[in-house]
Amino acid sequence: MIIRPYEPADTDALYDICLRTGDNGGDATGQFADPRLLGEHFVGPYLRYEPELAFVIDDGAPAGYVLGVRDTPAFERVCEREWWPPLREKYPPGSFPAGTRDAAYVQRLYESHTADPAIVAEYPAHLHIDLLPRAQGQGMGRALMERLLAALHAAGAPAVHLGVGAGNTRAIAFYERMGFQTLYQSPNGRTMGRPTT
């Protein structure tokens, strides 16, 4: 397995990895009628606007990724201006039956996407990391995270935050081992952060 920069040909595979890790790290494939909807939130805009902060685990095919942005408020503004409007046209309210995960993520398209100002004041960057089972338990997650942290530091971001669901206990333990501290916690999950150095 190697870690390499993202290439445009990886896009569909990264959307698929997002879906296959979208249930608190487990496979969410059977939970969505539209297999691209989750990736439209958590993969697509990162690849579009900050592809230089996207890195891939490759063992002949993509097996994991980390995606980052250096300036969360600036990223949120460009998404609101350019990324979300076409998706709102594609997915009008009522596109999926009420109560489904698809419906919940369509609703999110119409909600505000702004991080807590108190958090981004100190931790302006943020990231998403997902690994398929075949890439887990081999130190690849740590290596992937270290690659992004170095890139964020070089890009001038002093610190980074991330969100994790309360049920994703393996990820929480991993982030703690990586030096992340809990910044905010709710019954649904927590926001964690650390310096990029």
Protein backbone atom coordinates (compact mmCIF):
# COMPACT_ATOMS: atom_id res chain seq x y z
CA MET A 1 0.00 0.00 0.00
CA ILE A 2 1.19 3.46 -0.83
CA ILE A 3 -0.07 6.96 -0.06
CA ARG A 4 -0.24 9.30 -3.02
CA PRO A 5 -1.91 12.55 -4.02
CA TYR A 6 -5.50 12.41 -5.28
CA GLU A 7 -5.97 12.12 -9.04
CA PRO A 8 -9.22 13.04 -10.84
CA ALA A 9 -9.67 9.41 -11.92
CA ASP A 10 -10.09 8.52 -8.22
CA THR A 11 -13.30 10.49 -7.78
CA ASP A 12 -15.86 7.70 -8.20
CA ALA A 13 -13.83 5.35 -6.00
CA LEU A 14 -13.64 7.95 -3.23
CA TYR A 15 -17.41 8.48 -3.39
CA ASP A 16 -17.77 4.71 -3.03
CA ILE A 17 -15.41 4.57 -0.04
CA CYS A 18 -17.42 7.35 1.60
CA LEU A 19 -20.58 5.26 1.23
CA ARG A 20 -18.89 2.04 2.36
CA THR A 21 -17.70 3.74 5.57
CA GLY A 22 -20.77 5.95 6.05
CA ASP A 23 -22.39 4.05 8.91
CA ASN A 24 -20.09 5.07 11.79
CA GLY A 25 -17.23 3.48 9.89
CA GLY A 26 -19.34 0.57 8.63
CA ASP A 27 -20.90 -0.02 5.22
CA ALA A 28 -23.90 2.24 4.52
CA THR A 29 -24.49 0.92 0.99
CA GLY A 30 -27.91 -0.54 1.80
CA GLN A 31 -29.02 2.60 3.63
CA PHE A 32 -29.14 4.92 0.61
CA ALA A 33 -31.21 4.77 -2.54
CA ASP A 34 -28.80 7.23 -4.18
CA PRO A 35 -25.24 5.93 -3.73
CA ARG A 36 -23.65 9.32 -4.50
CA LEU A 37 -25.59 11.46 -2.06
CA LEU A 38 -23.26 10.98 0.92
CA GLY A 39 -20.21 11.72 -1.21
CA GLU A 40 -21.79 14.92 -2.51
CA HIS A 41 -21.57 16.19 1.08
CA PHE A 42 -18.28 14.75 2.30
CA VAL A 43 -16.10 14.13 -0.78
CA GLY A 44 -17.07 16.16 -3.84
CA PRO A 45 -16.52 19.72 -2.63
CA TYR A 46 -13.13 18.85 -1.13
CA LEU A 47 -11.95 17.36 -4.41
CA ARG A 48 -13.30 20.34 -6.34
CA TYR A 49 -11.94 23.18 -4.22
CA GLU A 50 -8.82 21.84 -2.45
CA PRO A 51 -7.62 18.80 -4.41
CA GLU A 52 -4.03 19.45 -3.31
CA LEU A 53 -5.13 18.52 0.23
CA ALA A 54 -6.55 15.13 -0.82
CA PHE A 55 -4.46 11.98 -0.39
CA VAL A 56 -5.28 8.37 -1.24
CA ILE A 57 -4.22 4.95 0.04
CA ASP A 58 -3.61 2.84 -3.05
CA ASP A 59 -3.07 -0.94 -3.12
CA GLY A 60 -3.85 -1.22 -6.82
CA ALA A 61 -7.11 0.64 -6.25
CA PRO A 62 -8.09 3.37 -3.76
CA ALA A 63 -8.59 1.86 -0.29
CA GLY A 64 -8.89 5.03 1.78
CA TYR A 65 -8.50 8.78 1.69
CA VAL A 66 -8.04 11.90 3.72
CA LEU A 67 -9.50 15.23 2.56
CA GLY A 68 -8.81 18.61 4.08
CA VAL A 69 -9.38 22.33 3.74
CA ARG A 70 -7.09 24.97 5.19
CA ASP A 71 -9.72 27.67 5.84
CA THR A 72 -13.12 26.31 6.85
CA PRO A 73 -15.11 29.59 6.63
CA ALA A 74 -13.72 30.32 3.14
CA PHE A 75 -14.58 26.76 2.06
CA GLU A 76 -18.11 27.13 3.44
CA ARG A 77 -18.58 30.35 1.48
CA VAL A 78 -17.48 28.87 -1.83
CA CYS A 79 -19.67 25.81 -1.28
CA GLU A 80 -22.67 28.00 -0.53
CA ARG A 81 -21.99 30.02 -3.66
CA GLU A 82 -21.08 27.22 -6.08
CA TRP A 83 -21.46 23.66 -4.74
CA TRP A 84 -24.81 23.50 -2.95
CA PRO A 85 -27.06 25.39 -5.44
CA PRO A 86 -26.77 22.80 -8.28
CA LEU A 87 -27.38 20.01 -5.77
CA ARG A 88 -30.47 21.79 -4.48
CA GLU A 89 -31.76 21.86 -8.04
CA LYS A 90 -30.95 18.17 -8.50
CA TYR A 91 -32.49 17.15 -5.15
CA PRO A 92 -35.59 19.22 -4.38
CA PRO A 93 -37.33 18.68 -1.03
CA GLY A 94 -39.35 15.49 -1.14
CA SER A 95 -36.95 13.74 -3.53
CA PHE A 96 -36.95 10.70 -1.22
CA PRO A 97 -39.47 9.24 1.25
CA ALA A 98 -39.57 10.92 4.64
CA GLY A 99 -37.56 9.15 7.29
CA THR A 100 -34.94 7.74 4.91
CA ARG A 101 -31.25 8.61 5.11
CA ASP A 102 -31.49 10.03 1.60
CA ALA A 103 -34.23 12.42 2.76
CA ALA A 104 -32.13 13.47 5.76
CA TYR A 105 -29.16 14.33 3.55
CA VAL A 106 -31.35 16.17 1.06
CA GLN A 107 -32.63 18.25 3.98
CA ARG A 108 -29.01 19.02 4.91
CA LEU A 109 -28.55 20.58 1.47
CA TYR A 110 -30.95 23.32 2.55
CA GLU A 111 -29.44 23.94 5.99
CA SER A 112 -26.68 26.31 6.98
CA HIS A 113 -23.18 24.84 6.62
CA THR A 114 -21.18 26.95 9.04
CA ALA A 115 -18.77 25.67 11.64
CA ASP A 116 -18.74 27.05 15.18
CA PRO A 117 -16.85 30.39 15.00
CA ALA A 118 -15.19 29.70 18.35
CA ILE A 119 -13.74 26.46 16.99
CA VAL A 120 -12.57 27.77 13.61
CA ALA A 121 -10.96 30.77 15.27
CA GLU A 122 -8.39 28.39 16.78
CA TYR A 123 -8.74 25.37 14.46
CA PRO A 124 -9.42 26.89 11.03
CA ALA A 125 -8.72 23.76 8.96
CA HIS A 126 -10.86 20.62 8.96
CA LEU A 127 -10.64 17.12 7.52
CA HIS A 128 -12.42 13.86 6.68
CA ILE A 129 -10.67 10.49 6.68
CA ASP A 130 -12.12 7.12 5.67
CA LEU A 131 -10.43 3.74 5.23
CA LEU A 132 -11.90 0.52 3.91
CA PRO A 133 -11.38 -2.53 6.18
CA ARG A 134 -8.52 -3.85 4.04
CA ALA A 135 -6.52 -0.69 4.79
CA GLN A 136 -7.18 -0.63 8.53
CA GLY A 137 -4.93 -1.86 11.32
CA GLN A 138 -1.69 -1.43 9.37
CA GLY A 139 -0.63 2.08 10.32
CA MET A 140 -2.00 3.52 7.08
CA GLY A 141 -4.51 5.77 8.82
CA ARG A 142 -1.75 7.36 10.90
CA ALA A 143 0.48 7.77 7.84
CA LEU A 144 -2.39 9.30 5.86
CA MET A 145 -3.19 11.72 8.68
CA GLU A 146 0.46 12.71 9.05
CA ARG A 147 0.65 13.42 5.31
CA LEU A 148 -2.33 15.77 5.52
CA LEU A 149 -1.16 17.46 8.73
CA ALA A 150 2.17 18.25 7.06
CA ALA A 151 0.39 19.61 3.98
CA LEU A 152 -1.95 21.75 6.10
CA HIS A 153 0.98 23.11 8.09
CA ALA A 154 2.84 23.95 4.88
CA ALA A 155 -0.32 25.70 3.62
CA GLY A 156 -0.33 27.92 6.71
CA ALA A 157 -3.10 26.26 8.77
CA PRO A 158 -2.03 26.21 12.44
CA ALA A 159 -4.62 23.70 13.65
CA VAL A 160 -7.33 21.37 12.35
CA HIS A 161 -10.66 20.03 13.58
CA LEU A 162 -12.94 17.15 12.61
CA GLY A 163 -16.32 15.74 13.53
CA VAL A 164 -17.00 12.15 14.57
CA GLY A 165 -20.22 10.34 15.43
CA ALA A 166 -20.72 9.14 18.98
CA GLY A 167 -21.08 5.55 17.79
CA ASN A 168 -17.75 5.53 15.97
CA THR A 169 -15.70 4.53 19.00
CA ARG A 170 -12.82 3.10 16.96
CA ALA A 171 -12.36 6.41 15.18
CA ILE A 172 -12.52 8.38 18.43
CA ALA A 173 -9.80 6.19 19.91
CA PHE A 174 -7.70 6.61 16.75
CA TYR A 175 -8.04 10.39 16.84
CA GLU A 176 -7.07 10.47 20.50
CA ARG A 177 -3.94 8.43 19.69
CA MET A 178 -3.20 11.00 16.97
CA GLY A 179 -3.24 13.80 19.55
CA PHE A 180 -6.73 15.16 18.93
CA GLN A 181 -8.61 16.53 21.94
CA THR A 182 -12.36 16.88 22.31
CA LEU A 183 -13.42 20.49 21.75
CA TYR A 184 -17.20 19.97 21.90
CA GLN A 185 -19.35 16.96 22.71
CA SER A 186 -23.05 16.20 22.27
CA PRO A 187 -25.09 12.99 22.41
CA ASN A 188 -24.63 12.64 18.62
CA GLY A 189 -20.88 13.01 18.52
CA ARG A 190 -17.98 15.30 19.11
CA THR A 191 -15.71 17.85 17.48
CA MET A 192 -12.02 17.18 18.03
CA GLY A 193 -8.95 19.24 17.17
CA ARG A 194 -5.18 19.46 17.30
CA PRO A 195 -2.32 21.62 15.99
CA THR A 196 -0.98 20.70 12.56
CA THR A 197 2.54 20.27 13.99
